[in-house]
PDB file of N, CA and C in Angstrom:
ATOM      1  N   MET A   1     134.797  97.374  96.092  1.00  0.00           N
ATOM      2  CA  MET A   1     134.328  97.335  97.461  1.00  0.00           C
ATOM      3  C   MET A   1     134.764  98.586  98.209  1.00  0.00           C
ATOM      4  N   GLY A   2     135.984  99.027  97.937  1.00  0.00           N
ATOM      5  CA  GLY A   2     136.505 100.226  98.590  1.00  0.00           C
ATOM      6  C   GLY A   2     135.712 101.466  98.215  1.00  0.00           C
ATOM      7  N   ASN A   3     135.283 101.526  96.942  1.00  0.00           N
ATOM      8  CA  ASN A   3     134.484 102.671  96.508  1.00  0.00           C
ATOM      9  C   ASN A   3     133.134 102.715  97.231  1.00  0.00           C
ATOM     10  N   LEU A   4     132.537 101.544  97.454  1.00  0.00           N
ATOM     11  CA  LEU A   4     131.253 101.463  98.140  1.00  0.00           C
ATOM     12  C   LEU A   4     131.390 101.936  99.592  1.00  0.00           C
ATOM     13  N   ILE A   5     132.442 101.515 100.238  1.00  0.00           N
ATOM     14  CA  ILE A   5     132.667 101.953 101.626  1.00  0.00           C
ATOM     15  C   ILE A   5     132.895 103.459 101.665  1.00  0.00           C
ATOM     16  N   ARG A   6     133.689 103.966 100.738  1.00  0.00           N
ATOM     17  CA  ARG A   6     133.945 105.396 100.681  1.00  0.00           C
ATOM     18  C   ARG A   6     132.649 106.172 100.424  1.00  0.00           C
ATOM     19  N   TYR A   7     131.780 105.626  99.558  1.00  0.00           N
ATOM     20  CA  TYR A   7     130.507 106.278  99.247  1.00  0.00           C
ATOM     21  C   TYR A   7     129.645 106.393 100.500  1.00  0.00           C
ATOM     22  N   PHE A   8     129.494 105.288 101.228  1.00  0.00           N
ATOM     23  CA  PHE A   8     128.662 105.328 102.435  1.00  0.00           C
ATOM     24  C   PHE A   8     129.292 106.177 103.540  1.00  0.00           C
ATOM     25  N   ARG A   9     130.623 106.183 103.623  1.00  0.00           N
ATOM     26  CA  ARG A   9     131.289 107.022 104.607  1.00  0.00           C
ATOM     27  C   ARG A   9     131.016 108.495 104.306  1.00  0.00           C
ATOM     28  N   ASN A  10     131.075 108.874 103.026  1.00  0.00           N
ATOM     29  CA  ASN A  10     130.777 110.253 102.647  1.00  0.00           C
ATOM     30  C   ASN A  10     129.314 110.608 102.960  1.00  0.00           C
ATOM     31  N   LYS A  11     128.395 109.672 102.673  1.00  0.00           N
ATOM     32  CA  LYS A  11     126.990 109.913 102.981  1.00  0.00           C
ATOM     33  C   LYS A  11     126.786 110.074 104.490  1.00  0.00           C
ATOM     34  N   PHE A  12     127.478 109.273 105.289  1.00  0.00           N
ATOM     35  CA  PHE A  12     127.373 109.375 106.733  1.00  0.00           C
ATOM     36  C   PHE A  12     127.889 110.733 107.220  1.00  0.00           C
ATOM     37  N   TYR A  13     128.995 111.188 106.658  1.00  0.00           N
ATOM     38  CA  TYR A  13     129.533 112.497 107.052  1.00  0.00           C
ATOM     39  C   TYR A  13     128.572 113.615 106.677  1.00  0.00           C
ATOM     40  N   VAL A  14     127.974 113.501 105.504  1.00  0.00           N
ATOM     41  CA  VAL A  14     127.001 114.511 105.081  1.00  0.00           C
ATOM     42  C   VAL A  14     125.810 114.511 106.029  1.00  0.00           C
ATOM     43  N   LEU A  15     125.338 113.334 106.412  1.00  0.00           N
ATOM     44  CA  LEU A  15     124.224 113.234 107.352  1.00  0.00           C
ATOM     45  C   LEU A  15     124.615 113.821 108.704  1.00  0.00           C
ATOM     46  N   ARG A  16     125.822 113.539 109.160  1.00  0.00           N
ATOM     47  CA  ARG A  16     126.268 114.035 110.456  1.00  0.00           C
ATOM     48  C   ARG A  16     126.361 115.552 110.472  1.00  0.00           C
ATOM     49  N   GLU A  17     126.622 116.135 109.343  1.00  0.00           N
ATOM     50  CA  GLU A  17     126.756 117.591 109.248  1.00  0.00           C
ATOM     51  C   GLU A  17     125.396 118.271 109.061  1.00  0.00           C
ATOM     52  N   SER A  18     124.354 117.521 108.750  1.00  0.00           N
ATOM     53  CA  SER A  18     123.072 118.132 108.411  1.00  0.00           C
ATOM     54  C   SER A  18     122.289 118.533 109.662  1.00  0.00           C
ATOM     55  N   ARG A  19     121.220 119.306 109.433  1.00  0.00           N
ATOM     56  CA  ARG A  19     120.355 119.752 110.528  1.00  0.00           C
ATOM     57  C   ARG A  19     119.538 118.594 111.091  1.00  0.00           C
ATOM     58  N   LEU A  20     119.255 117.601 110.252  1.00  0.00           N
ATOM     59  CA  LEU A  20     118.506 116.442 110.708  1.00  0.00           C
ATOM     60  C   LEU A  20     119.267 115.716 111.813  1.00  0.00           C
ATOM     61  N   TRP A  21     120.556 115.544 111.620  1.00  0.00           N
ATOM     62  CA  TRP A  21     121.367 114.877 112.632  1.00  0.00           C
ATOM     63  C   TRP A  21     121.386 115.693 113.930  1.00  0.00           C
ATOM     64  N   ALA A  22     121.472 116.989 113.790  1.00  0.00           N
ATOM     65  CA  ALA A  22     121.469 117.851 114.980  1.00  0.00           C
ATOM     66  C   ALA A  22     120.138 117.737 115.716  1.00  0.00           C
ATOM     67  N   ALA A  23     119.055 117.639 114.957  1.00  0.00           N
ATOM     68  CA  ALA A  23     117.743 117.494 115.591  1.00  0.00           C
ATOM     69  C   ALA A  23     117.619 116.139 116.276  1.00  0.00           C
ATOM     70  N   LEU A  24     118.167 115.091 115.650  1.00  0.00           N
ATOM     71  CA  LEU A  24     118.097 113.759 116.250  1.00  0.00           C
ATOM     72  C   LEU A  24     118.951 113.649 117.515  1.00  0.00           C
ATOM     73  N   LYS A  25     119.957 114.461 117.618  1.00  0.00           N
ATOM     74  CA  LYS A  25     120.794 114.440 118.823  1.00  0.00           C
ATOM     75  C   LYS A  25     120.115 115.132 119.994  1.00  0.00           C
ATOM     76  N   ASN A  26     119.089 115.929 119.716  1.00  0.00           N
ATOM     77  CA  ASN A  26     118.348 116.611 120.775  1.00  0.00           C
ATOM     78  C   ASN A  26     117.560 115.552 121.561  1.00  0.00           C
ATOM     79  N   LYS A  27     117.711 115.561 122.884  1.00  0.00           N
ATOM     80  CA  LYS A  27     117.092 114.501 123.686  1.00  0.00           C
ATOM     81  C   LYS A  27     115.564 114.570 123.661  1.00  0.00           C
ATOM     82  N   TYR A  28     114.992 115.734 123.498  1.00  0.00           N
ATOM     83  CA  TYR A  28     113.530 115.856 123.454  1.00  0.00           C
ATOM     84  C   TYR A  28     112.963 115.289 122.155  1.00  0.00           C
ATOM     85  N   VAL A  29     113.633 115.573 121.055  1.00  0.00           N
ATOM     86  CA  VAL A  29     113.190 115.043 119.763  1.00  0.00           C
ATOM     87  C   VAL A  29     113.343 113.528 119.760  1.00  0.00           C
ATOM     88  N   LEU A  30     114.448 113.051 120.263  1.00  0.00           N
ATOM     89  CA  LEU A  30     114.694 111.617 120.321  1.00  0.00           C
ATOM     90  C   LEU A  30     113.652 110.931 121.208  1.00  0.00           C
ATOM     91  N   THR A  31     113.329 111.543 122.342  1.00  0.00           N
ATOM     92  CA  THR A  31     112.309 110.992 123.228  1.00  0.00           C
ATOM     93  C   THR A  31     110.947 110.968 122.538  1.00  0.00           C
ATOM     94  N   ALA A  32     110.596 112.019 121.830  1.00  0.00           N
ATOM     95  CA  ALA A  32     109.324 112.072 121.119  1.00  0.00           C
ATOM     96  C   ALA A  32     109.253 111.000 120.035  1.00  0.00           C
ATOM     97  N   ILE A  33     110.328 110.789 119.311  1.00  0.00           N
ATOM     98  CA  ILE A  33     110.361 109.767 118.266  1.00  0.00           C
ATOM     99  C   ILE A  33     110.178 108.377 118.873  1.00  0.00           C
ATOM    100  N   ILE A  34     110.884 108.116 119.948  1.00  0.00           N
ATOM    101  CA  ILE A  34     110.750 106.820 120.620  1.00  0.00           C
ATOM    102  C   ILE A  34     109.323 106.638 121.141  1.00  0.00           C
ATOM    103  N   PHE A  35     108.739 107.694 121.696  1.00  0.00           N
ATOM    104  CA  PHE A  35     107.369 107.634 122.204  1.00  0.00           C
ATOM    105  C   PHE A  35     106.391 107.286 121.078  1.00  0.00           C
ATOM    106  N   PHE A  36     106.504 107.951 119.924  1.00  0.00           N
ATOM    107  CA  PHE A  36     105.593 107.684 118.815  1.00  0.00           C
ATOM    108  C   PHE A  36     105.774 106.273 118.258  1.00  0.00           C
ATOM    109  N   ILE A  37     107.000 105.806 118.195  1.00  0.00           N
ATOM    110  CA  ILE A  37     107.231 104.432 117.749  1.00  0.00           C
ATOM    111  C   ILE A  37     106.595 103.452 118.725  1.00  0.00           C
ATOM    112  N   TRP A  38     106.735 103.710 120.010  1.00  0.00           N
ATOM    113  CA  TRP A  38     106.130 102.857 121.031  1.00  0.00           C
ATOM    114  C   TRP A  38     104.602 102.828 120.868  1.00  0.00           C
ATOM    115  N   ILE A  39     104.005 103.993 120.684  1.00  0.00           N
ATOM    116  CA  ILE A  39     102.551 104.077 120.536  1.00  0.00           C
ATOM    117  C   ILE A  39     102.094 103.355 119.266  1.00  0.00           C
ATOM    118  N   LEU A  40     102.807 103.505 118.172  1.00  0.00           N
ATOM    119  CA  LEU A  40     102.402 102.922 116.898  1.00  0.00           C
ATOM    120  C   LEU A  40     102.556 101.402 116.860  1.00  0.00           C
ATOM    121  N   ILE A  41     103.538 100.865 117.576  1.00  0.00           N
ATOM    122  CA  ILE A  41     103.852  99.440 117.431  1.00  0.00           C
ATOM    123  C   ILE A  41     103.546  98.633 118.687  1.00  0.00           C
ATOM    124  N   PHE A  42     103.966  99.097 119.841  1.00  0.00           N
ATOM    125  CA  PHE A  42     103.938  98.256 121.028  1.00  0.00           C
ATOM    126  C   PHE A  42     102.771  98.509 121.974  1.00  0.00           C
ATOM    127  N   ASP A  43     102.080  99.597 121.834  1.00  0.00           N
ATOM    128  CA  ASP A  43     101.019  99.940 122.763  1.00  0.00           C
ATOM    129  C   ASP A  43      99.809  99.027 122.577  1.00  0.00           C
ATOM    130  N   GLN A  44      98.940  98.984 123.583  1.00  0.00           N
ATOM    131  CA  GLN A  44      97.731  98.181 123.519  1.00  0.00           C
ATOM    132  C   GLN A  44      96.831  98.640 122.374  1.00  0.00           C
ATOM    133  N   ASN A  45      96.811  99.904 122.071  1.00  0.00           N
ATOM    134  CA  ASN A  45      95.987 100.472 120.998  1.00  0.00           C
ATOM    135  C   ASN A  45      96.835 100.799 119.776  1.00  0.00           C
ATOM    136  N   ASN A  46      97.670  99.860 119.339  1.00  0.00           N
ATOM    137  CA  ASN A  46      98.558 100.122 118.210  1.00  0.00           C
ATOM    138  C   ASN A  46      97.784 100.126 116.893  1.00  0.00           C
ATOM    139  N   LEU A  47      98.488 100.353 115.815  1.00  0.00           N
ATOM    140  CA  LEU A  47      97.838 100.477 114.506  1.00  0.00           C
ATOM    141  C   LEU A  47      97.118  99.206 114.081  1.00  0.00           C
ATOM    142  N   GLY A  48      97.697  98.052 114.337  1.00  0.00           N
ATOM    143  CA  GLY A  48      97.059  96.795 113.967  1.00  0.00           C
ATOM    144  C   GLY A  48      95.746  96.590 114.712  1.00  0.00           C
ATOM    145  N   GLU A  49      95.764  96.872 115.999  1.00  0.00           N
ATOM    146  CA  GLU A  49      94.537  96.745 116.796  1.00  0.00           C
ATOM    147  C   GLU A  49      93.484  97.741 116.323  1.00  0.00           C
ATOM    148  N   ARG A  50      93.902  98.941 116.008  1.00  0.00           N
ATOM    149  CA  ARG A  50      92.963  99.962 115.518  1.00  0.00           C
ATOM    150  C   ARG A  50      92.285  99.499 114.234  1.00  0.00           C
ATOM    151  N   ARG A  51      93.080  98.954 113.311  1.00  0.00           N
ATOM    152  CA  ARG A  51      92.528  98.476 112.047  1.00  0.00           C
ATOM    153  C   ARG A  51      91.529  97.348 112.275  1.00  0.00           C
ATOM    154  N   LYS A  52      91.884  96.426 113.160  1.00  0.00           N
ATOM    155  CA  LYS A  52      91.006  95.302 113.464  1.00  0.00           C
ATOM    156  C   LYS A  52      89.695  95.781 114.089  1.00  0.00           C
ATOM    157  N   ILE A  53      89.770  96.722 115.012  1.00  0.00           N
ATOM    158  CA  ILE A  53      88.580  97.247 115.667  1.00  0.00           C
ATOM    159  C   ILE A  53      87.702  97.995 114.669  1.00  0.00           C
ATOM    160  N   ASN A  54      88.310  98.787 113.791  1.00  0.00           N
ATOM    161  CA  ASN A  54      87.526  99.496 112.769  1.00  0.00           C
ATOM    162  C   ASN A  54      86.825  98.516 111.829  1.00  0.00           C
ATOM    163  N   HIS A  55      87.500  97.429 111.476  1.00  0.00           N
ATOM    164  CA  HIS A  55      86.905  96.415 110.610  1.00  0.00           C
ATOM    165  C   HIS A  55      85.708  95.763 111.308  1.00  0.00           C
ATOM    166  N   GLU A  56      85.863  95.398 112.574  1.00  0.00           N
ATOM    167  CA  GLU A  56      84.766  94.806 113.335  1.00  0.00           C
ATOM    168  C   GLU A  56      83.600  95.790 113.464  1.00  0.00           C
ATOM    169  N   TYR A  57      83.905  97.062 113.658  1.00  0.00           N
ATOM    170  CA  TYR A  57      82.877  98.083 113.781  1.00  0.00           C
ATOM    171  C   TYR A  57      82.049  98.185 112.505  1.00  0.00           C
ATOM    172  N   LYS A  58      82.729  98.167 111.352  1.00  0.00           N
ATOM    173  CA  LYS A  58      82.019  98.234 110.076  1.00  0.00           C
ATOM    174  C   LYS A  58      81.142  97.000 109.869  1.00  0.00           C
ATOM    175  N   GLU A  59      81.649  95.825 110.254  1.00  0.00           N
ATOM    176  CA  GLU A  59      80.847  94.609 110.141  1.00  0.00           C
ATOM    177  C   GLU A  59      79.612  94.687 111.029  1.00  0.00           C
ATOM    178  N   LEU A  60      79.771  95.216 112.239  1.00  0.00           N
ATOM    179  CA  LEU A  60      78.636  95.335 113.149  1.00  0.00           C
ATOM    180  C   LEU A  60      77.594  96.325 112.616  1.00  0.00           C
ATOM    181  N   LEU A  61      78.055  97.396 111.990  1.00  0.00           N
ATOM    182  CA  LEU A  61      77.108  98.337 111.388  1.00  0.00           C
ATOM    183  C   LEU A  61      76.316  97.680 110.260  1.00  0.00           C
ATOM    184  N   GLU A  62      76.991  96.861 109.458  1.00  0.00           N
ATOM    185  CA  GLU A  62      76.300  96.150 108.384  1.00  0.00           C
ATOM    186  C   GLU A  62      75.286  95.162 108.961  1.00  0.00           C
ATOM    187  N   GLU A  63      75.673  94.444 110.035  1.00  0.00           N
ATOM    188  CA  GLU A  63      74.747  93.529 110.693  1.00  0.00           C
ATOM    189  C   GLU A  63      73.546  94.272 111.251  1.00  0.00           C
ATOM    190  N   LYS A  64      73.790  95.418 111.853  1.00  0.00           N
ATOM    191  CA  LYS A  64      72.707  96.222 112.417  1.00  0.00           C
ATOM    192  C   LYS A  64      71.720  96.607 111.322  1.00  0.00           C
ATOM    193  N   GLU A  65      72.236  97.050 110.189  1.00  0.00           N
ATOM    194  CA  GLU A  65      71.379  97.440 109.069  1.00  0.00           C
ATOM    195  C   GLU A  65      70.555  96.245 108.579  1.00  0.00           C
ATOM    196  N   TYR A  66      71.184  95.078 108.494  1.00  0.00           N
ATOM    197  CA  TYR A  66      70.486  93.869 108.068  1.00  0.00           C
ATOM    198  C   TYR A  66      69.340  93.547 109.028  1.00  0.00           C
ATOM    199  N   TYR A  67      69.619  93.563 110.326  1.00  0.00           N
ATOM    200  CA  TYR A  67      68.590  93.209 111.291  1.00  0.00           C
ATOM    201  C   TYR A  67      67.487  94.262 111.369  1.00  0.00           C
ATOM    202  N   LEU A  68      67.830  95.514 111.194  1.00  0.00           N
ATOM    203  CA  LEU A  68      66.780  96.539 111.156  1.00  0.00           C
ATOM    204  C   LEU A  68      65.847  96.322 109.967  1.00  0.00           C
ATOM    205  N   ASN A  69      66.411  95.942 108.834  1.00  0.00           N
ATOM    206  CA  ASN A  69      65.583  95.639 107.659  1.00  0.00           C
ATOM    207  C   ASN A  69      64.698  94.418 107.912  1.00  0.00           C
ATOM    208  N   LYS A  70      65.259  93.386 108.561  1.00  0.00           N
ATOM    209  CA  LYS A  70      64.475  92.199 108.884  1.00  0.00           C
ATOM    210  C   LYS A  70      63.337  92.536 109.837  1.00  0.00           C
ATOM    211  N   ILE A  71      63.609  93.378 110.822  1.00  0.00           N
ATOM    212  CA  ILE A  71      62.575  93.782 111.773  1.00  0.00           C
ATOM    213  C   ILE A  71      61.454  94.515 111.044  1.00  0.00           C
ATOM    214  N   GLU A  72      61.818  95.387 110.127  1.00  0.00           N
ATOM    215  CA  GLU A  72      60.804  96.128 109.367  1.00  0.00           C
ATOM    216  C   GLU A  72      59.964  95.177 108.509  1.00  0.00           C
ATOM    217  N   GLU A  73      60.608  94.205 107.869  1.00  0.00           N
ATOM    218  CA  GLU A  73      59.869  93.220 107.073  1.00  0.00           C
ATOM    219  C   GLU A  73      58.911  92.422 107.957  1.00  0.00           C
ATOM    220  N   ASP A  74      59.377  92.015 109.138  1.00  0.00           N
ATOM    221  CA  ASP A  74      58.521  91.243 110.042  1.00  0.00           C
ATOM    222  C   ASP A  74      57.351  92.076 110.554  1.00  0.00           C
ATOM    223  N   ARG A  75      57.588  93.338 110.838  1.00  0.00           N
ATOM    224  CA  ARG A  75      56.494  94.214 111.261  1.00  0.00           C
ATOM    225  C   ARG A  75      55.430  94.332 110.166  1.00  0.00           C
ATOM    226  N   ASN A  76      55.897  94.504 108.933  1.00  0.00           N
ATOM    227  CA  ASN A  76      54.950  94.582 107.812  1.00  0.00           C
ATOM    228  C   ASN A  76      54.175  93.280 107.670  1.00  0.00           C
ATOM    229  N   ARG A  77      54.867  92.166 107.832  1.00  0.00           N
ATOM    230  CA  ARG A  77      54.215  90.846 107.732  1.00  0.00           C
ATOM    231  C   ARG A  77      53.169  90.675 108.838  1.00  0.00           C
ATOM    232  N   ILE A  78      53.512  91.069 110.071  1.00  0.00           N
ATOM    233  CA  ILE A  78      52.578  90.972 111.199  1.00  0.00           C
ATOM    234  C   ILE A  78      51.358  91.847 110.958  1.00  0.00           C
ATOM    235  N   GLU A  79      51.591  93.046 110.482  1.00  0.00           N
ATOM    236  CA  GLU A  79      50.474  93.953 110.200  1.00  0.00           C
ATOM    237  C   GLU A  79      49.565  93.370 109.117  1.00  0.00           C
ATOM    238  N   GLU A  80      50.168  92.769 108.120  1.00  0.00           N
ATOM    239  CA  GLU A  80      49.406  92.139 107.044  1.00  0.00           C
ATOM    240  C   GLU A  80      48.580  90.973 107.583  1.00  0.00           C
ATOM    241  N   LEU A  81      49.167  90.178 108.477  1.00  0.00           N
ATOM    242  CA  LEU A  81      48.447  89.039 109.040  1.00  0.00           C
ATOM    243  C   LEU A  81      47.310  89.486 109.960  1.00  0.00           C
ATOM    244  N   LYS A  82      47.508  90.597 110.655  1.00  0.00           N
ATOM    245  CA  LYS A  82      46.464  91.092 111.554  1.00  0.00           C
ATOM    246  C   LYS A  82      45.258  91.652 110.799  1.00  0.00           C
ATOM    247  N   THR A  83      45.482  92.182 109.638  1.00  0.00           N
ATOM    248  CA  THR A  83      44.401  92.863 108.918  1.00  0.00           C
ATOM    249  C   THR A  83      43.662  91.981 107.924  1.00  0.00           C
ATOM    250  N   ASP A  84      44.284  90.928 107.436  1.00  0.00           N
ATOM    251  CA  ASP A  84      43.665  90.124 106.385  1.00  0.00           C
ATOM    252  C   ASP A  84      43.559  88.666 106.835  1.00  0.00           C
ATOM    253  N   ASN A  85      42.327  88.169 106.986  1.00  0.00           N
ATOM    254  CA  ASN A  85      42.117  86.800 107.460  1.00  0.00           C
ATOM    255  C   ASN A  85      42.576  85.755 106.449  1.00  0.00           C
ATOM    256  N   GLU A  86      42.468  86.056 105.171  1.00  0.00           N
ATOM    257  CA  GLU A  86      42.929  85.101 104.158  1.00  0.00           C
ATOM    258  C   GLU A  86      44.437  84.880 104.256  1.00  0.00           C
ATOM    259  N   ASN A  87      45.193  85.970 104.452  1.00  0.00           N
ATOM    260  CA  ASN A  87      46.641  85.840 104.628  1.00  0.00           C
ATOM    261  C   ASN A  87      46.973  85.091 105.910  1.00  0.00           C
ATOM    262  N   LEU A  88      46.189  85.308 106.949  1.00  0.00           N
ATOM    263  CA  LEU A  88      46.407  84.605 108.217  1.00  0.00           C
ATOM    264  C   LEU A  88      46.184  83.113 108.037  1.00  0.00           C
ATOM    265  N   GLU A  89      45.138  82.776 107.324  1.00  0.00           N
ATOM    266  CA  GLU A  89      44.858  81.363 107.068  1.00  0.00           C
ATOM    267  C   GLU A  89      45.959  80.730 106.221  1.00  0.00           C
ATOM    268  N   LYS A  90      46.400  81.422 105.196  1.00  0.00           N
ATOM    269  CA  LYS A  90      47.479  80.927 104.342  1.00  0.00           C
ATOM    270  C   LYS A  90      48.761  80.727 105.149  1.00  0.00           C
ATOM    271  N   PHE A  91      49.073  81.687 106.012  1.00  0.00           N
ATOM    272  CA  PHE A  91      50.269  81.599 106.847  1.00  0.00           C
ATOM    273  C   PHE A  91      50.175  80.391 107.786  1.00  0.00           C
ATOM    274  N   ALA A  92      49.008  80.198 108.420  1.00  0.00           N
ATOM    275  CA  ALA A  92      48.832  79.077 109.340  1.00  0.00           C
ATOM    276  C   ALA A  92      48.969  77.750 108.606  1.00  0.00           C
ATOM    277  N   ARG A  93      48.424  77.672 107.410  1.00  0.00           N
ATOM    278  CA  ARG A  93      48.529  76.431 106.643  1.00  0.00           C
ATOM    279  C   ARG A  93      49.981  76.139 106.239  1.00  0.00           C
ATOM    280  N   GLU A  94      50.711  77.160 105.811  1.00  0.00           N
ATOM    281  CA  GLU A  94      52.080  76.951 105.338  1.00  0.00           C
ATOM    282  C   GLU A  94      53.059  76.718 106.476  1.00  0.00           C
ATOM    283  N   GLN A  95      52.969  77.500 107.526  1.00  0.00           N
ATOM    284  CA  GLN A  95      53.975  77.449 108.587  1.00  0.00           C
ATOM    285  C   GLN A  95      53.684  76.378 109.640  1.00  0.00           C
ATOM    286  N   TYR A  96      52.421  76.217 109.999  1.00  0.00           N
ATOM    287  CA  TYR A  96      52.070  75.322 111.101  1.00  0.00           C
ATOM    288  C   TYR A  96      51.311  74.082 110.644  1.00  0.00           C
ATOM    289  N   LEU A  97      51.189  73.922 109.335  1.00  0.00           N
ATOM    290  CA  LEU A  97      50.540  72.770 108.735  1.00  0.00           C
ATOM    291  C   LEU A  97      49.130  72.548 109.281  1.00  0.00           C
ATOM    292  N   MET A  98      48.427  73.622 109.541  1.00  0.00           N
ATOM    293  CA  MET A  98      47.041  73.531 109.991  1.00  0.00           C
ATOM    294  C   MET A  98      46.153  73.228 108.784  1.00  0.00           C
ATOM    295  N   LYS A  99      45.016  72.614 109.082  1.00  0.00           N
ATOM    296  CA  LYS A  99      44.111  72.249 107.993  1.00  0.00           C
ATOM    297  C   LYS A  99      42.676  72.301 108.481  1.00  0.00           C
ATOM    298  N   LYS A 100      41.802  72.376 107.519  1.00  0.00           N
ATOM    299  CA  LYS A 100      40.385  72.277 107.822  1.00  0.00           C
ATOM    300  C   LYS A 100      40.029  70.801 107.897  1.00  0.00           C
ATOM    301  N   GLU A 101      38.857  70.534 108.465  1.00  0.00           N
ATOM    302  CA  GLU A 101      38.428  69.142 108.496  1.00  0.00           C
ATOM    303  C   GLU A 101      38.160  68.671 107.075  1.00  0.00           C
ATOM    304  N   ASN A 102      38.346  67.413 106.871  1.00  0.00           N
ATOM    305  CA  ASN A 102      38.152  66.767 105.561  1.00  0.00           C
ATOM    306  C   ASN A 102      39.190  67.250 104.541  1.00  0.00           C
ATOM    307  N   GLU A 103      40.358  67.695 104.996  1.00  0.00           N
ATOM    308  CA  GLU A 103      41.433  68.079 104.074  1.00  0.00           C
ATOM    309  C   GLU A 103      42.645  67.214 104.364  1.00  0.00           C
ATOM    310  N   ASP A 104      43.417  66.980 103.353  1.00  0.00           N
ATOM    311  CA  ASP A 104      44.681  66.268 103.504  1.00  0.00           C
ATOM    312  C   ASP A 104      45.811  67.236 103.175  1.00  0.00           C
ATOM    313  N   ILE A 105      46.949  67.045 103.847  1.00  0.00           N
ATOM    314  CA  ILE A 105      48.117  67.915 103.615  1.00  0.00           C
ATOM    315  C   ILE A 105      49.179  67.108 102.899  1.00  0.00           C
ATOM    316  N   PHE A 106      49.686  67.657 101.834  1.00  0.00           N
ATOM    317  CA  PHE A 106      50.783  67.067 101.099  1.00  0.00           C
ATOM    318  C   PHE A 106      51.968  68.039 101.164  1.00  0.00           C
ATOM    319  N   ILE A 107      53.094  67.566 101.627  1.00  0.00           N
ATOM    320  CA  ILE A 107      54.293  68.408 101.728  1.00  0.00           C
ATOM    321  C   ILE A 107      55.210  68.034 100.563  1.00  0.00           C
ATOM    322  N   ILE A 108      55.524  69.029  99.766  1.00  0.00           N
ATOM    323  CA  ILE A 108      56.400  68.831  98.612  1.00  0.00           C
ATOM    324  C   ILE A 108      57.700  69.554  98.900  1.00  0.00           C
ATOM    325  N   VAL A 109      58.770  68.808  98.884  1.00  0.00           N
ATOM    326  CA  VAL A 109      60.085  69.372  99.175  1.00  0.00           C
ATOM    327  C   VAL A 109      60.874  69.445  97.885  1.00  0.00           C
ATOM    328  N   ASP A 110      61.351  70.619  97.552  1.00  0.00           N
ATOM    329  CA  ASP A 110      62.189  70.786  96.362  1.00  0.00           C
ATOM    330  C   ASP A 110      63.625  70.443  96.716  1.00  0.00           C
ATOM    331  N   GLU A 111      64.238  69.631  95.906  1.00  0.00           N
ATOM    332  CA  GLU A 111      65.639  69.260  96.152  1.00  0.00           C
ATOM    333  C   GLU A 111      66.542  69.787  95.088  1.00  0.00           C
TER     334      GLU A 111
END
């Protein structure tokens, strides 16, 4: 146990004699270190909040891409329905269950 205490005491003396210790004793360096620790941990925009915001931003970009693709698909579908009467009739029959006279509708649900 005595050797361990002596070892750490020697390390402390070496640290106290080094340039790092002299720099840490400077009030400006110490103030800057405290400021950066405050910004990194305790500030409203700390590292954890930054990571969370970046994650949400990436998710929103992915959602935006998904919805832009859906909009493009719907535009193509609308254009197809406007130009082709057979597709319009098929769409009306499938989506709105419309029928011609003398026709019966059977709905088959896959389970």
